Amino acid sequence: MARTKRFRDITGQRFGKYVVLSHVIGQHWNCRCDCGTEKIQVSHNLLTGQAAMCRDCYHKSRIIDLTGQRFGKWTAIRLDRPKFWLCRCDCGTESVCAANNLKSGGSTQCEKCRLLKVHKPKHGHCPGSKQSSTYLVWASIKRRCTNLGTKMSAHYGDVGIKMCQAWQDDFCNFLNSMGERPSQWLSIDRANKDESTRHYSCGKCDECKKNGWIFHCRWATKEEQSQNRKPRKSKLITYNGKSLSLKEWAIETGVPLSTLSARLSHYHWSVERTLSTPRRTYN
């Protein structure tokens, strides 16, 4: 004798965003989504959770909110339709962009800004595949200020040091402010005295005027740059009632600094043995 499936009435029950309205035939039920869309669903899909909402609601639930986020020169304003966002370029142009293009970097600016970049006058610092030393300095500063989380940015972008937007956008602006690199032994030096002189800034663009940044950068040698660095606090070592740094103890005892350092860190000598043992002499 053939077994018959027991009929289960699920009229009026809710499954996700679906509410069952009526029975159609067999295992098929007429359902309405919370958005108002009506569709026929199989009871097995409803009971197992495979059918919890209509297609439009499913796509909306997977949308990542990009409002206010920047993608190049684009700023996402609002969702225009599924997978497409209304964006505003820095020049004021508004356009609808695909979310995938924004997140992948396929769209970073409006057509007007793209054409301006294409027809920008050449500065002559990138002939062929070669780049001048001035251009390499600019590119290095830009990388360590904008590529956060890298080894280069540890003492720059990661601690809040920025490059003003005018210098970031155009090497010509940097070149007009700083001029050609006078020598391969010189690099960019910042005054780094307060917030107005902490960043790489031209002092003329809107960002510099808004934040009060002034133009203070210069081409300088390593010796000149070392004068702007904050002096490091040396660890003092106390022996026989005197507290001196390891460098000062090297002068006091006549033992080379490298020898004292090796005794303490490598051989793990005590402070008394390190400072009381004279320098070894060789015949």
C-alpha atoms as a PDB file:
ATOM      1  CA  MET A   1       0.000   0.000   0.000  1.00  0.00           C
ATOM      2  CA  ALA A   2       1.506   3.359  -1.071  1.00  0.00           C
ATOM      3  CA  ARG A   3       2.219   5.899   1.624  1.00  0.00           C
ATOM      4  CA  THR A   4       0.830   9.396   1.173  1.00  0.00           C
ATOM      5  CA  LYS A   5       2.545  12.529   2.480  1.00  0.00           C
ATOM      6  CA  ARG A   6       0.738  14.258   5.277  1.00  0.00           C
ATOM      7  CA  PHE A   7      -0.470  17.695   4.231  1.00  0.00           C
ATOM      8  CA  ARG A   8       0.774  20.560   6.431  1.00  0.00           C
ATOM      9  CA  ASP A   9      -1.074  23.861   6.324  1.00  0.00           C
ATOM     10  CA  ILE A  10       1.385  26.773   6.717  1.00  0.00           C
ATOM     11  CA  THR A  11      -1.018  29.564   5.756  1.00  0.00           C
ATOM     12  CA  GLY A  12      -0.272  32.779   7.702  1.00  0.00           C
ATOM     13  CA  GLN A  13       3.120  31.605   8.943  1.00  0.00           C
ATOM     14  CA  ARG A  14       6.261  33.715   8.497  1.00  0.00           C
ATOM     15  CA  PHE A  15       9.538  32.452   7.024  1.00  0.00           C
ATOM     16  CA  GLY A  16      12.190  35.178   7.046  1.00  0.00           C
ATOM     17  CA  LYS A  17      10.599  38.112   5.220  1.00  0.00           C
ATOM     18  CA  TYR A  18       7.980  35.914   3.557  1.00  0.00           C
ATOM     19  CA  VAL A  19       4.414  35.529   4.875  1.00  0.00           C
ATOM     20  CA  VAL A  20       2.411  32.639   3.407  1.00  0.00           C
ATOM     21  CA  LEU A  21      -0.889  33.893   1.912  1.00  0.00           C
ATOM     22  CA  SER A  22      -2.549  30.812   0.437  1.00  0.00           C
ATOM     23  CA  HIS A  23      -2.058  27.296  -0.880  1.00  0.00           C
ATOM     24  CA  VAL A  24      -1.672  26.958  -4.662  1.00  0.00           C
ATOM     25  CA  ILE A  25      -1.162  23.287  -5.482  1.00  0.00           C
ATOM     26  CA  GLY A  26       0.801  20.410  -4.019  1.00  0.00           C
ATOM     27  CA  GLN A  27       3.788  21.839  -2.130  1.00  0.00           C
ATOM     28  CA  HIS A  28       3.526  25.305  -3.715  1.00  0.00           C
ATOM     29  CA  TRP A  29       2.409  28.331  -1.702  1.00  0.00           C
ATOM     30  CA  ASN A  30       1.695  31.943  -2.582  1.00  0.00           C
ATOM     31  CA  CYS A  31       3.886  34.196  -0.392  1.00  0.00           C
ATOM     32  CA  ARG A  32       4.338  37.935   0.092  1.00  0.00           C
ATOM     33  CA  CYS A  33       7.674  39.549   0.997  1.00  0.00           C
ATOM     34  CA  ASP A  34       7.860  42.484   3.421  1.00  0.00           C
ATOM     35  CA  CYS A  35       8.600  44.761   0.453  1.00  0.00           C
ATOM     36  CA  GLY A  36       5.246  43.798  -1.130  1.00  0.00           C
ATOM     37  CA  THR A  37       6.522  41.383  -3.789  1.00  0.00           C
ATOM     38  CA  GLU A  38       4.425  38.212  -4.166  1.00  0.00           C
ATOM     39  CA  LYS A  39       5.904  34.952  -5.364  1.00  0.00           C
ATOM     40  CA  ILE A  40       5.111  31.244  -5.352  1.00  0.00           C
ATOM     41  CA  GLN A  41       7.517  29.210  -3.219  1.00  0.00           C
ATOM     42  CA  VAL A  42       7.941  25.506  -2.446  1.00  0.00           C
ATOM     43  CA  SER A  43       7.198  24.573   1.167  1.00  0.00           C
ATOM     44  CA  HIS A  44      10.501  22.678   1.463  1.00  0.00           C
ATOM     45  CA  ASN A  45      12.461  25.861   0.625  1.00  0.00           C
ATOM     46  CA  LEU A  46      10.451  27.859   3.145  1.00  0.00           C
ATOM     47  CA  LEU A  47      10.856  25.336   5.965  1.00  0.00           C
ATOM     48  CA  THR A  48      14.603  24.852   5.410  1.00  0.00           C
ATOM     49  CA  GLY A  49      15.341  28.586   5.130  1.00  0.00           C
ATOM     50  CA  GLN A  50      16.426  28.478   1.474  1.00  0.00           C
ATOM     51  CA  ALA A  51      13.669  30.971   0.606  1.00  0.00           C
ATOM     52  CA  ALA A  52      13.667  33.797   3.159  1.00  0.00           C
ATOM     53  CA  MET A  53      13.155  36.899   0.978  1.00  0.00           C
ATOM     54  CA  CYS A  54      12.612  38.040  -2.578  1.00  0.00           C
ATOM     55  CA  ARG A  55      15.468  38.643  -5.003  1.00  0.00           C
ATOM     56  CA  ASP A  56      15.412  42.449  -4.611  1.00  0.00           C
ATOM     57  CA  CYS A  57      15.616  42.234  -0.815  1.00  0.00           C
ATOM     58  CA  TYR A  58      18.401  39.660  -1.104  1.00  0.00           C
ATOM     59  CA  HIS A  59      20.525  41.986  -3.256  1.00  0.00           C
ATOM     60  CA  LYS A  60      19.839  44.922  -0.918  1.00  0.00           C
ATOM     61  CA  SER A  61      20.944  42.874   2.092  1.00  0.00           C
ATOM     62  CA  ARG A  62      24.306  42.213   0.417  1.00  0.00           C
ATOM     63  CA  ILE A  63      24.994  45.898  -0.328  1.00  0.00           C
ATOM     64  CA  ILE A  64      27.934  47.386   1.615  1.00  0.00           C
ATOM     65  CA  ASP A  65      27.321  50.980   2.669  1.00  0.00           C
ATOM     66  CA  LEU A  66      29.873  53.197   0.886  1.00  0.00           C
ATOM     67  CA  THR A  67      28.332  56.527   1.906  1.00  0.00           C
ATOM     68  CA  GLY A  68      31.048  59.105   2.603  1.00  0.00           C
ATOM     69  CA  GLN A  69      33.927  56.862   1.524  1.00  0.00           C
ATOM     70  CA  ARG A  70      36.545  58.193  -0.921  1.00  0.00           C
ATOM     71  CA  PHE A  71      37.769  56.362  -4.013  1.00  0.00           C
ATOM     72  CA  GLY A  72      40.452  58.489  -5.639  1.00  0.00           C
ATOM     73  CA  LYS A  73      38.703  61.799  -6.344  1.00  0.00           C
ATOM     74  CA  TRP A  74      35.214  60.268  -5.977  1.00  0.00           C
ATOM     75  CA  THR A  75      33.168  60.589  -2.773  1.00  0.00           C
ATOM     76  CA  ALA A  76      30.171  58.246  -2.506  1.00  0.00           C
ATOM     77  CA  ILE A  77      26.991  60.224  -1.703  1.00  0.00           C
ATOM     78  CA  ARG A  78      24.121  57.711  -1.745  1.00  0.00           C
ATOM     79  CA  LEU A  79      22.912  54.463  -3.295  1.00  0.00           C
ATOM     80  CA  ASP A  80      21.314  55.159  -6.688  1.00  0.00           C
ATOM     81  CA  ARG A  81      20.198  51.594  -7.416  1.00  0.00           C
ATOM     82  CA  PRO A  82      21.511  48.158  -6.452  1.00  0.00           C
ATOM     83  CA  LYS A  83      25.284  47.992  -7.049  1.00  0.00           C
ATOM     84  CA  PHE A  84      25.450  51.597  -8.290  1.00  0.00           C
ATOM     85  CA  TRP A  85      26.336  54.699  -6.243  1.00  0.00           C
ATOM     86  CA  LEU A  86      25.908  58.400  -6.896  1.00  0.00           C
ATOM     87  CA  CYS A  87      29.366  59.946  -6.460  1.00  0.00           C
ATOM     88  CA  ARG A  88      30.780  63.481  -6.469  1.00  0.00           C
ATOM     89  CA  CYS A  89      34.223  64.269  -7.888  1.00  0.00           C
ATOM     90  CA  ASP A  90      36.526  66.813  -6.220  1.00  0.00           C
ATOM     91  CA  CYS A  91      35.795  69.182  -9.118  1.00  0.00           C
ATOM     92  CA  GLY A  92      32.051  69.075  -8.287  1.00  0.00           C
ATOM     93  CA  THR A  93      30.898  66.723 -11.070  1.00  0.00           C
ATOM     94  CA  GLU A  94      28.336  64.100 -10.009  1.00  0.00           C
ATOM     95  CA  SER A  95      27.952  60.737 -11.698  1.00  0.00           C
ATOM     96  CA  VAL A  96      26.642  57.216 -11.039  1.00  0.00           C
ATOM     97  CA  CYS A  97      29.418  54.619 -10.649  1.00  0.00           C
ATOM     98  CA  ALA A  98      29.361  50.854 -10.252  1.00  0.00           C
ATOM     99  CA  ALA A  99      30.392  49.697  -6.783  1.00  0.00           C
ATOM    100  CA  ASN A 100      32.792  47.120  -8.244  1.00  0.00           C
ATOM    101  CA  ASN A 101      34.597  49.818 -10.262  1.00  0.00           C
ATOM    102  CA  LEU A 102      34.963  52.012  -7.182  1.00  0.00           C
ATOM    103  CA  LYS A 103      36.328  49.258  -4.944  1.00  0.00           C
ATOM    104  CA  SER A 104      38.683  47.828  -7.582  1.00  0.00           C
ATOM    105  CA  GLY A 105      40.098  51.224  -8.559  1.00  0.00           C
ATOM    106  CA  GLY A 106      38.647  51.072 -12.067  1.00  0.00           C
ATOM    107  CA  SER A 107      36.964  54.454 -11.540  1.00  0.00           C
ATOM    108  CA  THR A 108      38.800  57.133  -9.539  1.00  0.00           C
ATOM    109  CA  GLN A 109      37.710  60.428 -11.143  1.00  0.00           C
ATOM    110  CA  CYS A 110      35.291  62.009 -13.596  1.00  0.00           C
ATOM    111  CA  GLU A 111      35.917  62.211 -17.328  1.00  0.00           C
ATOM    112  CA  LYS A 112      36.766  65.912 -17.091  1.00  0.00           C
ATOM    113  CA  CYS A 113      39.535  65.339 -14.534  1.00  0.00           C
ATOM    114  CA  ARG A 114      40.822  62.335 -16.481  1.00  0.00           C
ATOM    115  CA  LEU A 115      41.209  64.396 -19.660  1.00  0.00           C
ATOM    116  CA  LEU A 116      42.949  67.178 -17.734  1.00  0.00           C
ATOM    117  CA  LYS A 117      45.429  64.621 -16.407  1.00  0.00           C
ATOM    118  CA  VAL A 118      46.006  63.161 -19.869  1.00  0.00           C
ATOM    119  CA  HIS A 119      46.692  66.556 -21.431  1.00  0.00           C
ATOM    120  CA  LYS A 120      48.774  67.843 -18.503  1.00  0.00           C
ATOM    121  CA  PRO A 121      51.986  69.528 -19.717  1.00  0.00           C
ATOM    122  CA  LYS A 122      55.025  67.264 -19.388  1.00  0.00           C
ATOM    123  CA  HIS A 123      57.689  68.249 -16.854  1.00  0.00           C
ATOM    124  CA  GLY A 124      60.525  66.289 -18.487  1.00  0.00           C
ATOM    125  CA  HIS A 125      61.506  64.347 -15.366  1.00  0.00           C
ATOM    126  CA  CYS A 126      60.342  60.929 -16.637  1.00  0.00           C
ATOM    127  CA  PRO A 127      61.853  60.518 -20.118  1.00  0.00           C
ATOM    128  CA  GLY A 128      61.072  57.008 -21.293  1.00  0.00           C
ATOM    129  CA  SER A 129      61.497  54.568 -18.423  1.00  0.00           C
ATOM    130  CA  LYS A 130      63.980  56.785 -16.542  1.00  0.00           C
ATOM    131  CA  GLN A 131      63.122  59.094 -13.661  1.00  0.00           C
ATOM    132  CA  SER A 132      65.115  62.054 -12.408  1.00  0.00           C
ATOM    133  CA  SER A 133      66.457  62.180  -8.838  1.00  0.00           C
ATOM    134  CA  THR A 134      64.024  65.040  -8.039  1.00  0.00           C
ATOM    135  CA  TYR A 135      61.081  62.931  -9.203  1.00  0.00           C
ATOM    136  CA  LEU A 136      62.289  59.931  -7.169  1.00  0.00           C
ATOM    137  CA  VAL A 137      62.458  62.073  -3.999  1.00  0.00           C
ATOM    138  CA  TRP A 138      58.870  63.268  -4.578  1.00  0.00           C
ATOM    139  CA  ALA A 139      57.628  59.711  -5.244  1.00  0.00           C
ATOM    140  CA  SER A 140      59.381  58.418  -2.104  1.00  0.00           C
ATOM    141  CA  ILE A 141      57.803  61.090   0.108  1.00  0.00           C
ATOM    142  CA  LYS A 142      54.373  60.381  -1.382  1.00  0.00           C
ATOM    143  CA  ARG A 143      54.690  56.636  -0.769  1.00  0.00           C
ATOM    144  CA  ARG A 144      55.762  56.898   2.867  1.00  0.00           C
ATOM    145  CA  CYS A 145      52.990  59.408   3.647  1.00  0.00           C
ATOM    146  CA  THR A 146      50.107  57.666   1.839  1.00  0.00           C
ATOM    147  CA  ASN A 147      50.873  53.910   1.814  1.00  0.00           C
ATOM    148  CA  LEU A 148      50.020  53.275   5.470  1.00  0.00           C
ATOM    149  CA  GLY A 149      50.989  50.109   7.262  1.00  0.00           C
ATOM    150  CA  THR A 150      54.267  49.627   5.359  1.00  0.00           C
ATOM    151  CA  LYS A 151      57.871  49.715   6.573  1.00  0.00           C
ATOM    152  CA  MET A 152      58.441  53.086   4.865  1.00  0.00           C
ATOM    153  CA  SER A 153      55.432  54.720   6.543  1.00  0.00           C
ATOM    154  CA  ALA A 154      56.269  53.660  10.114  1.00  0.00           C
ATOM    155  CA  HIS A 155      57.767  57.064  11.029  1.00  0.00           C
ATOM    156  CA  TYR A 156      55.707  59.156   8.586  1.00  0.00           C
ATOM    157  CA  GLY A 157      52.147  58.348   7.476  1.00  0.00           C
ATOM    158  CA  ASP A 158      51.485  55.974  10.373  1.00  0.00           C
ATOM    159  CA  VAL A 159      52.265  58.709  12.924  1.00  0.00           C
ATOM    160  CA  GLY A 160      50.179  61.375  11.168  1.00  0.00           C
ATOM    161  CA  ILE A 161      52.719  63.098   8.893  1.00  0.00           C
ATOM    162  CA  LYS A 162      51.004  64.063   5.638  1.00  0.00           C
ATOM    163  CA  MET A 163      51.803  65.387   2.187  1.00  0.00           C
ATOM    164  CA  CYS A 164      49.521  68.237   1.116  1.00  0.00           C
ATOM    165  CA  GLN A 165      47.008  67.505  -1.631  1.00  0.00           C
ATOM    166  CA  ALA A 166      48.604  69.889  -4.151  1.00  0.00           C
ATOM    167  CA  TRP A 167      51.948  68.049  -3.955  1.00  0.00           C
ATOM    168  CA  GLN A 168      50.251  64.654  -3.975  1.00  0.00           C
ATOM    169  CA  ASP A 169      48.223  65.379  -7.107  1.00  0.00           C
ATOM    170  CA  ASP A 170      50.909  66.970  -9.257  1.00  0.00           C
ATOM    171  CA  PHE A 171      54.693  66.674  -9.320  1.00  0.00           C
ATOM    172  CA  CYS A 172      54.831  70.071 -11.064  1.00  0.00           C
ATOM    173  CA  ASN A 173      53.481  71.756  -7.913  1.00  0.00           C
ATOM    174  CA  PHE A 174      56.241  70.119  -5.882  1.00  0.00           C
ATOM    175  CA  LEU A 175      58.846  71.132  -8.472  1.00  0.00           C
ATOM    176  CA  ASN A 176      57.665  74.756  -8.508  1.00  0.00           C
ATOM    177  CA  SER A 177      57.942  74.957  -4.715  1.00  0.00           C
ATOM    178  CA  MET A 178      61.202  73.071  -4.145  1.00  0.00           C
ATOM    179  CA  GLY A 179      63.064  73.442  -7.444  1.00  0.00           C
ATOM    180  CA  GLU A 180      65.513  70.910  -8.845  1.00  0.00           C
ATOM    181  CA  ARG A 181      67.454  68.697  -6.446  1.00  0.00           C
ATOM    182  CA  PRO A 182      70.809  70.515  -6.154  1.00  0.00           C
ATOM    183  CA  SER A 183      72.844  67.401  -5.373  1.00  0.00           C
ATOM    184  CA  GLN A 184      72.420  63.674  -4.872  1.00  0.00           C
ATOM    185  CA  TRP A 185      73.633  64.163  -1.288  1.00  0.00           C
ATOM    186  CA  LEU A 186      70.652  66.401  -0.415  1.00  0.00           C
ATOM    187  CA  SER A 187      67.119  65.364   0.541  1.00  0.00           C
ATOM    188  CA  ILE A 188      63.957  67.078   1.790  1.00  0.00           C
ATOM    189  CA  ASP A 189      64.096  68.392   5.364  1.00  0.00           C
ATOM    190  CA  ARG A 190      61.129  69.494   7.487  1.00  0.00           C
ATOM    191  CA  ALA A 191      61.343  72.028  10.328  1.00  0.00           C
ATOM    192  CA  ASN A 192      59.100  69.743  12.465  1.00  0.00           C
ATOM    193  CA  LYS A 193      58.761  72.311  15.275  1.00  0.00           C
ATOM    194  CA  ASP A 194      54.960  72.362  15.601  1.00  0.00           C
ATOM    195  CA  GLU A 195      51.808  71.282  13.741  1.00  0.00           C
ATOM    196  CA  SER A 196      52.245  73.969  11.056  1.00  0.00           C
ATOM    197  CA  THR A 197      55.719  72.684  10.137  1.00  0.00           C
ATOM    198  CA  ARG A 198      55.226  68.959  10.721  1.00  0.00           C
ATOM    199  CA  HIS A 199      53.949  68.029   7.259  1.00  0.00           C
ATOM    200  CA  TYR A 200      55.227  68.191   3.681  1.00  0.00           C
ATOM    201  CA  SER A 201      53.251  71.268   2.629  1.00  0.00           C
ATOM    202  CA  CYS A 202      53.320  73.930  -0.085  1.00  0.00           C
ATOM    203  CA  GLY A 203      51.538  76.541   2.066  1.00  0.00           C
ATOM    204  CA  LYS A 204      49.358  77.657  -0.869  1.00  0.00           C
ATOM    205  CA  CYS A 205      46.724  74.973  -1.565  1.00  0.00           C
ATOM    206  CA  ASP A 206      43.282  74.864   0.072  1.00  0.00           C
ATOM    207  CA  GLU A 207      44.321  72.058   2.459  1.00  0.00           C
ATOM    208  CA  CYS A 208      47.363  74.024   3.693  1.00  0.00           C
ATOM    209  CA  LYS A 209      45.329  77.207   4.231  1.00  0.00           C
ATOM    210  CA  LYS A 210      42.559  75.298   6.026  1.00  0.00           C
ATOM    211  CA  ASN A 211      44.961  73.518   8.419  1.00  0.00           C
ATOM    212  CA  GLY A 212      47.391  76.418   8.852  1.00  0.00           C
ATOM    213  CA  TRP A 213      50.328  74.588   7.263  1.00  0.00           C
ATOM    214  CA  ILE A 214      53.169  76.798   6.005  1.00  0.00           C
ATOM    215  CA  PHE A 215      55.883  76.176   3.431  1.00  0.00           C
ATOM    216  CA  HIS A 216      59.021  75.240   5.380  1.00  0.00           C
ATOM    217  CA  CYS A 217      60.721  72.402   3.494  1.00  0.00           C
ATOM    218  CA  ARG A 218      64.270  72.684   2.148  1.00  0.00           C
ATOM    219  CA  TRP A 219      67.005  70.654   0.511  1.00  0.00           C
ATOM    220  CA  ALA A 220      69.465  69.690   3.275  1.00  0.00           C
ATOM    221  CA  THR A 221      72.345  67.349   4.058  1.00  0.00           C
ATOM    222  CA  LYS A 222      72.104  64.540   6.623  1.00  0.00           C
ATOM    223  CA  GLU A 223      74.080  66.643   9.104  1.00  0.00           C
ATOM    224  CA  GLU A 224      71.641  69.562   8.744  1.00  0.00           C
ATOM    225  CA  GLN A 225      68.650  67.236   9.107  1.00  0.00           C
ATOM    226  CA  SER A 226      70.067  65.671  12.268  1.00  0.00           C
ATOM    227  CA  GLN A 227      69.822  69.074  13.975  1.00  0.00           C
ATOM    228  CA  ASN A 228      66.015  68.940  13.713  1.00  0.00           C
ATOM    229  CA  ARG A 229      65.699  65.500  15.247  1.00  0.00           C
ATOM    230  CA  LYS A 230      64.556  65.215  18.811  1.00  0.00           C
ATOM    231  CA  PRO A 231      67.455  64.101  21.018  1.00  0.00           C
ATOM    232  CA  ARG A 232      67.052  60.585  22.324  1.00  0.00           C
ATOM    233  CA  LYS A 233      67.176  60.064  26.057  1.00  0.00           C
ATOM    234  CA  SER A 234      70.230  57.966  26.909  1.00  0.00           C
ATOM    235  CA  LYS A 235      69.931  55.288  29.548  1.00  0.00           C
ATOM    236  CA  LEU A 236      72.026  56.224  32.584  1.00  0.00           C
ATOM    237  CA  ILE A 237      74.243  53.641  34.264  1.00  0.00           C
ATOM    238  CA  THR A 238      75.108  54.175  37.935  1.00  0.00           C
ATOM    239  CA  TYR A 239      78.497  53.002  39.283  1.00  0.00           C
ATOM    240  CA  ASN A 240      80.458  54.239  42.326  1.00  0.00           C
ATOM    241  CA  GLY A 241      77.869  56.967  42.939  1.00  0.00           C
ATOM    242  CA  LYS A 242      78.070  58.398  39.408  1.00  0.00           C
ATOM    243  CA  SER A 243      75.275  58.174  36.810  1.00  0.00           C
ATOM    244  CA  LEU A 244      76.483  58.512  33.220  1.00  0.00           C
ATOM    245  CA  SER A 245      75.443  57.280  29.803  1.00  0.00           C
ATOM    246  CA  LEU A 246      77.329  54.391  28.225  1.00  0.00           C
ATOM    247  CA  LYS A 247      79.077  56.789  25.838  1.00  0.00           C
ATOM    248  CA  GLU A 248      80.215  58.946  28.760  1.00  0.00           C
ATOM    249  CA  TRP A 249      81.453  55.873  30.635  1.00  0.00           C
ATOM    250  CA  ALA A 250      83.511  54.942  27.559  1.00  0.00           C
ATOM    251  CA  ILE A 251      85.272  58.316  27.774  1.00  0.00           C
ATOM    252  CA  GLU A 252      85.614  58.028  31.559  1.00  0.00           C
ATOM    253  CA  THR A 253      87.153  54.524  31.566  1.00  0.00           C
ATOM    254  CA  GLY A 254      89.050  54.698  28.268  1.00  0.00           C
ATOM    255  CA  VAL A 255      87.321  51.499  27.087  1.00  0.00           C
ATOM    256  CA  PRO A 256      85.741  51.671  23.582  1.00  0.00           C
ATOM    257  CA  LEU A 257      81.978  52.105  23.482  1.00  0.00           C
ATOM    258  CA  SER A 258      81.571  48.960  21.370  1.00  0.00           C
ATOM    259  CA  THR A 259      83.447  46.928  23.986  1.00  0.00           C
ATOM    260  CA  LEU A 260      81.283  48.188  26.859  1.00  0.00           C
ATOM    261  CA  SER A 261      78.122  47.562  24.847  1.00  0.00           C
ATOM    262  CA  ALA A 262      79.213  44.000  24.001  1.00  0.00           C
ATOM    263  CA  ARG A 263      80.063  43.250  27.643  1.00  0.00           C
ATOM    264  CA  LEU A 264      76.582  44.258  28.790  1.00  0.00           C
ATOM    265  CA  SER A 265      74.343  43.007  25.968  1.00  0.00           C
ATOM    266  CA  HIS A 266      76.247  40.089  24.453  1.00  0.00           C
ATOM    267  CA  TYR A 267      78.318  38.658  27.330  1.00  0.00           C
ATOM    268  CA  HIS A 268      75.834  39.760  30.022  1.00  0.00           C
ATOM    269  CA  TRP A 269      78.477  41.069  32.403  1.00  0.00           C
ATOM    270  CA  SER A 270      77.426  42.955  35.512  1.00  0.00           C
ATOM    271  CA  VAL A 271      77.786  46.752  35.550  1.00  0.00           C
ATOM    272  CA  GLU A 272      80.600  46.574  38.090  1.00  0.00           C
ATOM    273  CA  ARG A 273      82.600  44.041  36.061  1.00  0.00           C
ATOM    274  CA  THR A 274      81.937  45.907  32.808  1.00  0.00           C
ATOM    275  CA  LEU A 275      83.227  49.252  34.035  1.00  0.00           C
ATOM    276  CA  SER A 276      86.017  48.019  36.323  1.00  0.00           C
ATOM    277  CA  THR A 277      87.682  45.689  33.814  1.00  0.00           C
ATOM    278  CA  PRO A 278      90.345  47.622  31.860  1.00  0.00           C
ATOM    279  CA  ARG A 279      90.760  47.449  28.143  1.00  0.00           C
ATOM    280  CA  ARG A 280      92.714  44.425  26.973  1.00  0.00           C
ATOM    281  CA  THR A 281      96.133  45.201  25.617  1.00  0.00           C
ATOM    282  CA  TYR A 282      97.996  43.161  23.046  1.00  0.00           C
ATOM    283  CA  ASN A 283     101.791  42.800  22.884  1.00  0.00           C
END
